[in-house]
Amino acid sequence: MRSHRASSTSGRIDEEVHIDALSHDGRGLARYRGKALFVEGALQGEDVKVQVTEEKRRFISARTREVVKPSAERCLPPCRHFKQCGGCSLQYWSHQGQIKGKQQIVLDQLRRFADQVPLEVNEPLLSEPYGYRYRCRLSIRWKKGHLHIGFREKSSQAICSITECPVLVEPLQALPQQLRTHLPELKAREAITHTECFLADNGVGVLLRNIRSLPDEDHRRLIRFAEDHKLQLYLQDNNGQVKCLHAPSGQNWPTYQLPKYQVELEFQPQDFTQVNWFVNRDMITRAIEWLQPKITDNVLDLFCGLGNFSLPLARKAAFVTGVEGSESSVERAKDNAKRNSLDNTAFYAADLSADLASQPWTQKQYDIVLLDPPRTGAQEVIKQMSNLLPPKVLYISCNPATLARDTGILAEQGFIIQRLSVMDMFPQTAHVESMALFVRTKK
């Protein structure tokens, strides 16, 4: 640390802080007066001046106020809304730098918290840096008669009203402005609070969330809007129920395809689907290449969702059992299996953080287990299934911290990481996605 004035007043640290590393969430990491200092907007190797945003007993949070010595990987953010919008946080970092940095974050977490080093680190699964996002959720708010449509501002509940979003795929780019033009025409316009915009194989879709019923006149206006822009249009009421208002494709619900496996999945607009379809397809292909399922294999897919992994695996294996916490997703997975004539599948709804002893699918033996948990990880199910886990386990992670924690649990059960790969699922953001193949070397 290069000291100019040894003072910290009004939330400002008037010393140049040297960023030694990156934290697991992509912030710069330094030391200041015996505490860990986490700096938003700083890159490894940089000297920066910062504004303190929070101070705790063991750490300080801050944001970059001035970059004194920039990294060679620093670049100018191309989006005009970057400074205010909370949607992307890393546009100041080169795309290659992001990928390299995220890989290092995963490796550091595994070493630090699980004492594990992968035997093999494969090439990252790459995405285009912009124009990759197939869906987004936009907030809608009226303030003093003005309509604000956009993402939340950084560290705020306020809405950053956007006119463009370069991470969206091209067919979605015009939607914020189209909605800004047409929503004010509605009589009950303030009843609409959010929208989900998405691109499916059968067209562009918009889901409007309304907190109270819309009059018939508004329905007619919305249908005209959808007709004018060739949109699939849906309404979601305060109870979460979704209805299709207009579907020019003739199909009420959107679909996406996995051509390599001759699979088509139907979903509803509120369902979880991967936002980056390019990387999703590559992820499935790499998963199957790593697992090498045989025609005699029995596969267990935990946190299976709509069948994103289950159905391609069913093309290769003898039988696939999928388990998911959401009952509606399980019903959709069953429907998708029928849609694709895959009768070598079974799907169950179960809370995978609860006691699983009575679940029928835990009484079987499996040759392969795939885990695709949420950010909270899969520690409970891993602990409970120690005797059930086969020689190969593939873990799809969206959180390096919980991957490291769960790796420690698997290590206690005799597993090592044979292969690791980072996935560029969310360029320009701090989200870190990875996949790890575990093999059991001892019981």
Foldseek 3Di string as FASTA:
>chain_A
DAQDDCDQPPQWGRGWFAFAAAALLGFTWGDDPQAIETEFPADHGWTFTWGWDDDDPHYTYTYGDGTPGHDPQFDDQPFPCQQWAPPFRFSRGHQVRLQVRLVVNLQVLQCPQQVFDAQAEDEFADDDQWQFFFKDKWWWAADPNAIAIAHHTPPGNDGDRDQADGRHHPLCGRVSVLCNVQLVVFPPSRQWTMKMWGAFPLGTEIETEGADDGDPVRLVSVQVSCVVSVYFYWYAYPVRDIFTSDHPSPDNFGWHDLVVQRFIATDHRVFDDQRGVSLLSVVLVVVCVVLVEAQAFEEEEEQCFQNSNPRSVLSHYVAYEYEHQDPVRQVRNVVRCVVRVRPRYYYYHDDLQDDCVPPPVLVDAGQEYEYEDPQQERQNNCVNCLVRHHQKYKYKHFGSNRVSVNSNVVVVSQKHFHYKHWYPRDNSGSTTIMMTMIGGPDD
